[in-house]
N, C-alpha and C. Protein backbone atom coordinates (compact mmCIF):
# COMPACT_ATOMS: atom_id res chain seq x y z
N MET A 1 89.46 132.93 94.14
CA MET A 1 89.62 133.44 92.81
C MET A 1 88.36 133.12 92.00
N THR A 2 87.87 134.09 91.27
CA THR A 2 86.68 133.92 90.47
C THR A 2 87.06 133.40 89.08
N ALA A 3 86.35 132.39 88.62
CA ALA A 3 86.61 131.84 87.29
C ALA A 3 86.05 132.78 86.23
N ARG A 4 86.80 132.93 85.15
CA ARG A 4 86.32 133.76 84.05
C ARG A 4 85.40 132.92 83.17
N VAL A 5 84.32 133.48 82.81
CA VAL A 5 83.36 132.79 81.96
C VAL A 5 83.62 133.19 80.52
N HIS A 6 83.79 132.18 79.68
CA HIS A 6 84.01 132.41 78.25
C HIS A 6 82.67 132.23 77.55
N THR A 7 82.27 133.21 76.79
CA THR A 7 80.96 133.18 76.14
C THR A 7 81.12 133.11 74.64
N ARG A 8 80.37 132.22 74.01
CA ARG A 8 80.32 132.15 72.55
C ARG A 8 79.04 132.85 72.11
N ILE A 9 79.21 133.85 71.28
CA ILE A 9 78.08 134.63 70.78
C ILE A 9 77.94 134.33 69.30
N VAL A 10 76.71 134.05 68.86
CA VAL A 10 76.44 133.78 67.45
C VAL A 10 75.52 134.87 66.92
N VAL A 11 75.97 135.51 65.85
CA VAL A 11 75.20 136.56 65.20
C VAL A 11 74.82 136.06 63.80
N GLU A 12 73.56 136.19 63.44
CA GLU A 12 73.10 135.70 62.15
C GLU A 12 73.12 136.80 61.09
N MET A 13 73.55 136.41 59.88
CA MET A 13 73.55 137.33 58.74
C MET A 13 73.11 136.56 57.50
N ASN A 14 72.19 137.15 56.76
CA ASN A 14 71.76 136.57 55.49
C ASN A 14 72.77 136.89 54.41
N ILE A 15 72.93 135.95 53.47
CA ILE A 15 73.89 136.14 52.39
C ILE A 15 73.45 135.32 51.18
N GLY A 16 73.68 135.85 49.99
CA GLY A 16 73.31 135.15 48.75
C GLY A 16 74.17 133.92 48.52
N SER A 17 73.65 132.98 47.72
CA SER A 17 74.33 131.69 47.54
C SER A 17 75.72 131.81 46.92
N LYS A 18 75.90 132.73 46.01
CA LYS A 18 77.21 132.92 45.37
C LYS A 18 78.27 133.27 46.41
N TYR A 19 77.91 134.12 47.34
CA TYR A 19 78.83 134.57 48.39
C TYR A 19 78.98 133.50 49.48
N PHE A 20 77.88 132.84 49.79
CA PHE A 20 77.88 131.73 50.75
C PHE A 20 78.85 130.65 50.28
N ASP A 21 78.75 130.27 49.01
CA ASP A 21 79.62 129.23 48.46
C ASP A 21 81.08 129.66 48.48
N ALA A 22 81.35 130.93 48.21
CA ALA A 22 82.73 131.43 48.22
C ALA A 22 83.32 131.41 49.64
N ILE A 23 82.49 131.67 50.64
CA ILE A 23 82.96 131.55 52.02
C ILE A 23 83.22 130.08 52.33
N ALA A 24 82.31 129.22 51.93
CA ALA A 24 82.46 127.78 52.21
C ALA A 24 83.71 127.19 51.57
N ASP A 25 84.07 127.65 50.36
CA ASP A 25 85.25 127.08 49.70
C ASP A 25 86.55 127.80 50.10
N GLY A 26 86.44 128.82 50.96
CA GLY A 26 87.61 129.50 51.49
C GLY A 26 88.17 130.62 50.65
N SER A 27 87.53 130.91 49.51
CA SER A 27 88.05 131.99 48.66
C SER A 27 87.61 133.38 49.12
N LYS A 28 86.51 133.46 49.86
CA LYS A 28 86.03 134.73 50.42
C LYS A 28 86.28 134.70 51.92
N THR A 29 87.21 135.52 52.38
CA THR A 29 87.58 135.51 53.80
C THR A 29 87.23 136.81 54.51
N VAL A 30 86.60 137.71 53.78
CA VAL A 30 86.20 139.00 54.33
C VAL A 30 84.78 139.30 53.86
N GLU A 31 83.91 139.66 54.80
CA GLU A 31 82.54 140.07 54.46
C GLU A 31 82.41 141.55 54.76
N GLY A 32 81.95 142.31 53.79
CA GLY A 32 81.75 143.74 53.97
C GLY A 32 80.29 144.04 54.29
N ARG A 33 80.09 144.92 55.23
CA ARG A 33 78.74 145.36 55.61
C ARG A 33 78.79 146.83 55.99
N LEU A 34 77.60 147.42 56.07
CA LEU A 34 77.52 148.76 56.62
C LEU A 34 77.85 148.70 58.10
N GLN A 35 78.42 149.74 58.62
CA GLN A 35 78.72 149.79 60.05
C GLN A 35 77.50 150.36 60.78
N ASP A 36 76.38 149.67 60.62
CA ASP A 36 75.13 150.11 61.22
C ASP A 36 75.05 149.62 62.67
N ASP A 37 73.91 149.83 63.30
CA ASP A 37 73.77 149.48 64.71
C ASP A 37 74.03 148.00 64.98
N LYS A 38 73.56 147.12 64.09
CA LYS A 38 73.77 145.69 64.29
C LYS A 38 75.26 145.35 64.30
N ARG A 39 76.02 145.90 63.38
CA ARG A 39 77.46 145.62 63.32
C ARG A 39 78.20 146.30 64.48
N ARG A 40 77.74 147.46 64.92
CA ARG A 40 78.38 148.12 66.08
C ARG A 40 78.22 147.27 67.34
N GLN A 41 77.05 146.67 67.49
CA GLN A 41 76.84 145.78 68.63
C GLN A 41 77.76 144.57 68.54
N LEU A 42 77.94 144.05 67.34
CA LEU A 42 78.84 142.92 67.12
C LEU A 42 80.27 143.29 67.50
N MET A 43 80.72 144.46 67.09
CA MET A 43 82.08 144.90 67.42
C MET A 43 82.24 145.11 68.91
N ASP A 44 81.23 145.62 69.59
CA ASP A 44 81.28 145.79 71.04
C ASP A 44 81.46 144.43 71.72
N LYS A 45 80.75 143.42 71.23
CA LYS A 45 80.87 142.07 71.81
C LYS A 45 82.26 141.50 71.59
N LEU A 46 82.84 141.78 70.44
CA LEU A 46 84.17 141.26 70.14
C LEU A 46 85.23 141.92 71.03
N HIS A 47 85.00 143.16 71.45
CA HIS A 47 85.96 143.85 72.31
C HIS A 47 86.13 143.18 73.67
N ASN A 48 85.09 142.49 74.12
CA ASN A 48 85.19 141.76 75.38
C ASN A 48 86.00 140.50 75.10
N LEU A 49 87.22 140.45 75.58
CA LEU A 49 88.15 139.36 75.24
C LEU A 49 87.68 137.99 75.70
N ARG A 50 86.69 137.94 76.53
CA ARG A 50 86.18 136.65 76.97
C ARG A 50 85.13 136.12 76.00
N ASN A 51 84.78 136.90 75.02
CA ASN A 51 83.78 136.47 74.04
C ASN A 51 84.44 135.88 72.80
N THR A 52 83.86 134.82 72.30
CA THR A 52 84.17 134.32 70.98
C THR A 52 82.93 134.62 70.14
N VAL A 53 83.12 135.36 69.06
CA VAL A 53 81.98 135.76 68.24
C VAL A 53 82.02 134.97 66.94
N SER A 54 80.91 134.33 66.64
CA SER A 54 80.76 133.62 65.38
C SER A 54 79.64 134.27 64.58
N ILE A 55 79.81 134.22 63.28
CA ILE A 55 78.75 134.69 62.38
C ILE A 55 78.12 133.45 61.77
N ARG A 56 76.83 133.35 61.90
CA ARG A 56 76.08 132.28 61.25
C ARG A 56 75.51 132.86 59.96
N PHE A 57 76.14 132.49 58.86
CA PHE A 57 75.66 132.93 57.56
C PHE A 57 74.50 132.03 57.15
N ILE A 58 73.43 132.66 56.70
CA ILE A 58 72.25 131.93 56.24
C ILE A 58 72.08 132.22 54.76
N CYS A 59 72.15 131.18 53.95
CA CYS A 59 72.00 131.34 52.51
C CYS A 59 70.54 131.69 52.20
N THR A 60 70.34 132.82 51.57
CA THR A 60 68.98 133.30 51.32
C THR A 60 68.22 132.40 50.35
N GLU A 61 68.91 131.71 49.46
CA GLU A 61 68.24 130.86 48.48
C GLU A 61 67.92 129.47 49.00
N THR A 62 68.81 128.88 49.82
CA THR A 62 68.64 127.49 50.24
C THR A 62 68.30 127.31 51.71
N GLY A 63 68.58 128.33 52.52
CA GLY A 63 68.39 128.20 53.96
C GLY A 63 69.54 127.50 54.68
N GLN A 64 70.55 127.05 53.94
CA GLN A 64 71.72 126.44 54.55
C GLN A 64 72.38 127.43 55.49
N THR A 65 73.02 126.91 56.52
CA THR A 65 73.75 127.77 57.45
C THR A 65 75.20 127.32 57.55
N MET A 66 76.03 128.26 57.94
CA MET A 66 77.45 127.99 58.13
C MET A 66 77.95 128.96 59.20
N ASP A 67 78.64 128.44 60.20
CA ASP A 67 79.20 129.28 61.25
C ASP A 67 80.67 129.54 60.96
N CYS A 68 81.07 130.81 61.08
CA CYS A 68 82.45 131.23 60.88
C CYS A 68 82.86 132.08 62.07
N GLN A 69 84.02 131.81 62.62
CA GLN A 69 84.50 132.63 63.73
C GLN A 69 84.94 133.99 63.21
N LEU A 70 84.53 135.03 63.89
CA LEU A 70 84.94 136.38 63.56
C LEU A 70 86.33 136.60 64.16
N ARG A 71 87.33 136.81 63.30
CA ARG A 71 88.71 136.97 63.76
C ARG A 71 89.05 138.43 64.05
N GLY A 72 88.30 139.34 63.45
CA GLY A 72 88.56 140.76 63.65
C GLY A 72 87.73 141.57 62.68
N TYR A 73 87.94 142.86 62.71
CA TYR A 73 87.20 143.74 61.80
C TYR A 73 88.04 144.98 61.52
N ARG A 74 87.69 145.66 60.43
CA ARG A 74 88.36 146.90 60.02
C ARG A 74 87.29 147.88 59.57
N ILE A 75 87.48 149.14 59.92
CA ILE A 75 86.51 150.20 59.62
C ILE A 75 87.03 151.05 58.45
N TYR A 76 86.13 151.40 57.54
CA TYR A 76 86.46 152.24 56.39
C TYR A 76 85.33 153.24 56.15
N PRO A 77 85.63 154.35 55.49
CA PRO A 77 84.58 155.32 55.18
C PRO A 77 83.69 154.88 54.01
N SER A 78 84.21 153.96 53.17
CA SER A 78 83.45 153.57 51.98
C SER A 78 83.90 152.19 51.51
N PHE A 79 83.07 151.57 50.65
CA PHE A 79 83.45 150.29 50.07
C PHE A 79 84.63 150.45 49.12
N VAL A 80 84.75 151.59 48.48
CA VAL A 80 85.89 151.83 47.58
C VAL A 80 87.19 151.77 48.39
N LYS A 81 87.24 152.49 49.51
CA LYS A 81 88.44 152.48 50.35
C LYS A 81 88.71 151.08 50.91
N ALA A 82 87.67 150.38 51.32
CA ALA A 82 87.84 149.03 51.84
C ALA A 82 88.39 148.10 50.76
N ALA A 83 87.85 148.22 49.56
CA ALA A 83 88.28 147.35 48.46
C ALA A 83 89.72 147.62 48.04
N GLU A 84 90.19 148.83 48.24
CA GLU A 84 91.59 149.15 47.92
C GLU A 84 92.54 148.29 48.75
N ASP A 85 92.12 147.89 49.94
CA ASP A 85 92.94 147.04 50.81
C ASP A 85 92.70 145.55 50.61
N SER A 86 91.46 145.16 50.30
CA SER A 86 91.10 143.74 50.42
C SER A 86 90.15 143.22 49.35
N TYR A 87 90.19 143.76 48.14
CA TYR A 87 89.14 143.40 47.19
C TYR A 87 89.08 141.92 46.85
N LYS A 88 90.21 141.23 46.75
CA LYS A 88 90.19 139.80 46.41
C LYS A 88 89.62 138.96 47.55
N GLU A 89 89.81 139.39 48.78
CA GLU A 89 89.26 138.68 49.92
C GLU A 89 87.76 138.96 50.07
N MET A 90 87.32 140.13 49.60
CA MET A 90 85.91 140.51 49.66
C MET A 90 85.10 139.83 48.55
N ILE A 91 85.57 139.97 47.32
CA ILE A 91 84.90 139.43 46.13
C ILE A 91 85.98 138.72 45.30
N PRO A 92 86.19 137.43 45.51
CA PRO A 92 87.31 136.73 44.89
C PRO A 92 87.37 136.79 43.38
N TRP A 93 86.23 136.94 42.72
CA TRP A 93 86.20 136.96 41.26
C TRP A 93 86.35 138.36 40.67
N ALA A 94 86.48 139.37 41.53
CA ALA A 94 86.65 140.75 41.04
C ALA A 94 88.05 140.93 40.47
N ASP A 95 88.13 141.74 39.43
CA ASP A 95 89.42 142.02 38.79
C ASP A 95 90.03 143.35 39.23
N SER A 96 89.31 144.10 40.06
CA SER A 96 89.81 145.39 40.52
C SER A 96 89.06 145.81 41.78
N PRO A 97 89.64 146.72 42.55
CA PRO A 97 88.92 147.25 43.71
C PRO A 97 87.59 147.88 43.33
N LYS A 98 87.55 148.60 42.21
CA LYS A 98 86.30 149.23 41.78
C LYS A 98 85.21 148.19 41.50
N GLU A 99 85.60 147.10 40.86
CA GLU A 99 84.63 146.04 40.56
C GLU A 99 84.07 145.43 41.85
N ALA A 100 84.94 145.22 42.84
CA ALA A 100 84.48 144.68 44.12
C ALA A 100 83.55 145.67 44.82
N ALA A 101 83.91 146.93 44.83
CA ALA A 101 83.05 147.96 45.47
C ALA A 101 81.70 148.03 44.77
N ASP A 102 81.70 147.90 43.45
CA ASP A 102 80.44 147.95 42.70
C ASP A 102 79.49 146.81 43.09
N VAL A 103 80.05 145.65 43.45
CA VAL A 103 79.20 144.54 43.91
C VAL A 103 78.44 144.95 45.17
N TYR A 104 79.13 145.58 46.09
CA TYR A 104 78.47 146.01 47.33
C TYR A 104 77.44 147.11 47.07
N ARG A 105 77.66 147.89 46.06
CA ARG A 105 76.70 148.95 45.71
C ARG A 105 75.38 148.37 45.20
N GLU A 106 75.37 147.08 44.84
CA GLU A 106 74.12 146.42 44.47
C GLU A 106 73.23 146.21 45.70
N PHE A 107 73.83 146.20 46.87
CA PHE A 107 73.11 145.92 48.11
C PHE A 107 72.87 147.15 48.98
N PHE A 108 73.78 148.11 48.91
CA PHE A 108 73.72 149.27 49.79
C PHE A 108 73.81 150.55 48.96
N THR A 109 73.03 151.54 49.33
CA THR A 109 73.03 152.80 48.60
C THR A 109 74.21 153.67 49.04
N ALA A 110 74.55 154.64 48.21
CA ALA A 110 75.60 155.59 48.54
C ALA A 110 75.23 156.38 49.81
N GLU A 111 73.94 156.66 49.98
CA GLU A 111 73.49 157.39 51.16
C GLU A 111 73.71 156.56 52.43
N GLN A 112 73.40 155.25 52.37
CA GLN A 112 73.63 154.39 53.52
C GLN A 112 75.12 154.31 53.84
N GLU A 113 75.91 154.17 52.81
CA GLU A 113 77.36 154.08 52.99
C GLU A 113 77.91 155.35 53.64
N ALA A 114 77.44 156.52 53.19
CA ALA A 114 77.89 157.79 53.75
C ALA A 114 77.42 157.95 55.20
N LYS A 115 76.22 157.49 55.50
CA LYS A 115 75.67 157.63 56.85
C LYS A 115 76.38 156.73 57.87
N TYR A 116 76.62 155.46 57.50
CA TYR A 116 77.14 154.48 58.46
C TYR A 116 78.63 154.18 58.33
N GLY A 117 79.19 154.32 57.15
CA GLY A 117 80.53 153.82 56.93
C GLY A 117 80.48 152.33 56.69
N VAL A 118 81.65 151.72 56.60
CA VAL A 118 81.76 150.32 56.21
C VAL A 118 82.61 149.57 57.22
N VAL A 119 82.26 148.33 57.47
CA VAL A 119 83.08 147.46 58.30
C VAL A 119 83.39 146.20 57.49
N LEU A 120 84.66 145.81 57.50
CA LEU A 120 85.06 144.53 56.91
C LEU A 120 85.21 143.54 58.06
N LEU A 121 84.53 142.42 57.94
CA LEU A 121 84.56 141.38 58.95
C LEU A 121 85.51 140.28 58.48
N ASP A 122 86.56 140.05 59.21
CA ASP A 122 87.53 139.00 58.88
C ASP A 122 87.03 137.67 59.44
N ILE A 123 86.80 136.73 58.53
CA ILE A 123 86.25 135.42 58.94
C ILE A 123 87.18 134.30 58.55
């Protein structure tokens, strides 16, 4: 019988200190990103049940790092649609789905969002 090899994969993502701190204190449990090639590769790795995928968040201001296990992901056509399901988990201080989606619009253009779609990473 062949032993199954369990692989831990670590993927690095930069994140601002406000969001880094919210992940660290447990109030932000979902990270939204474009479903670009980097995230598609991440999702492919997660599909292999022998893989444990962790995201190493790197704070852009301080260089601090934090590893979070990726528990799953969800695909959406836009940040607005994603925020309708999970806005408090995405942006804990947001008062509405629109406000949470607007935060992501500071980082990604409408054209990028339309081209790639959105992935919510459950951490």
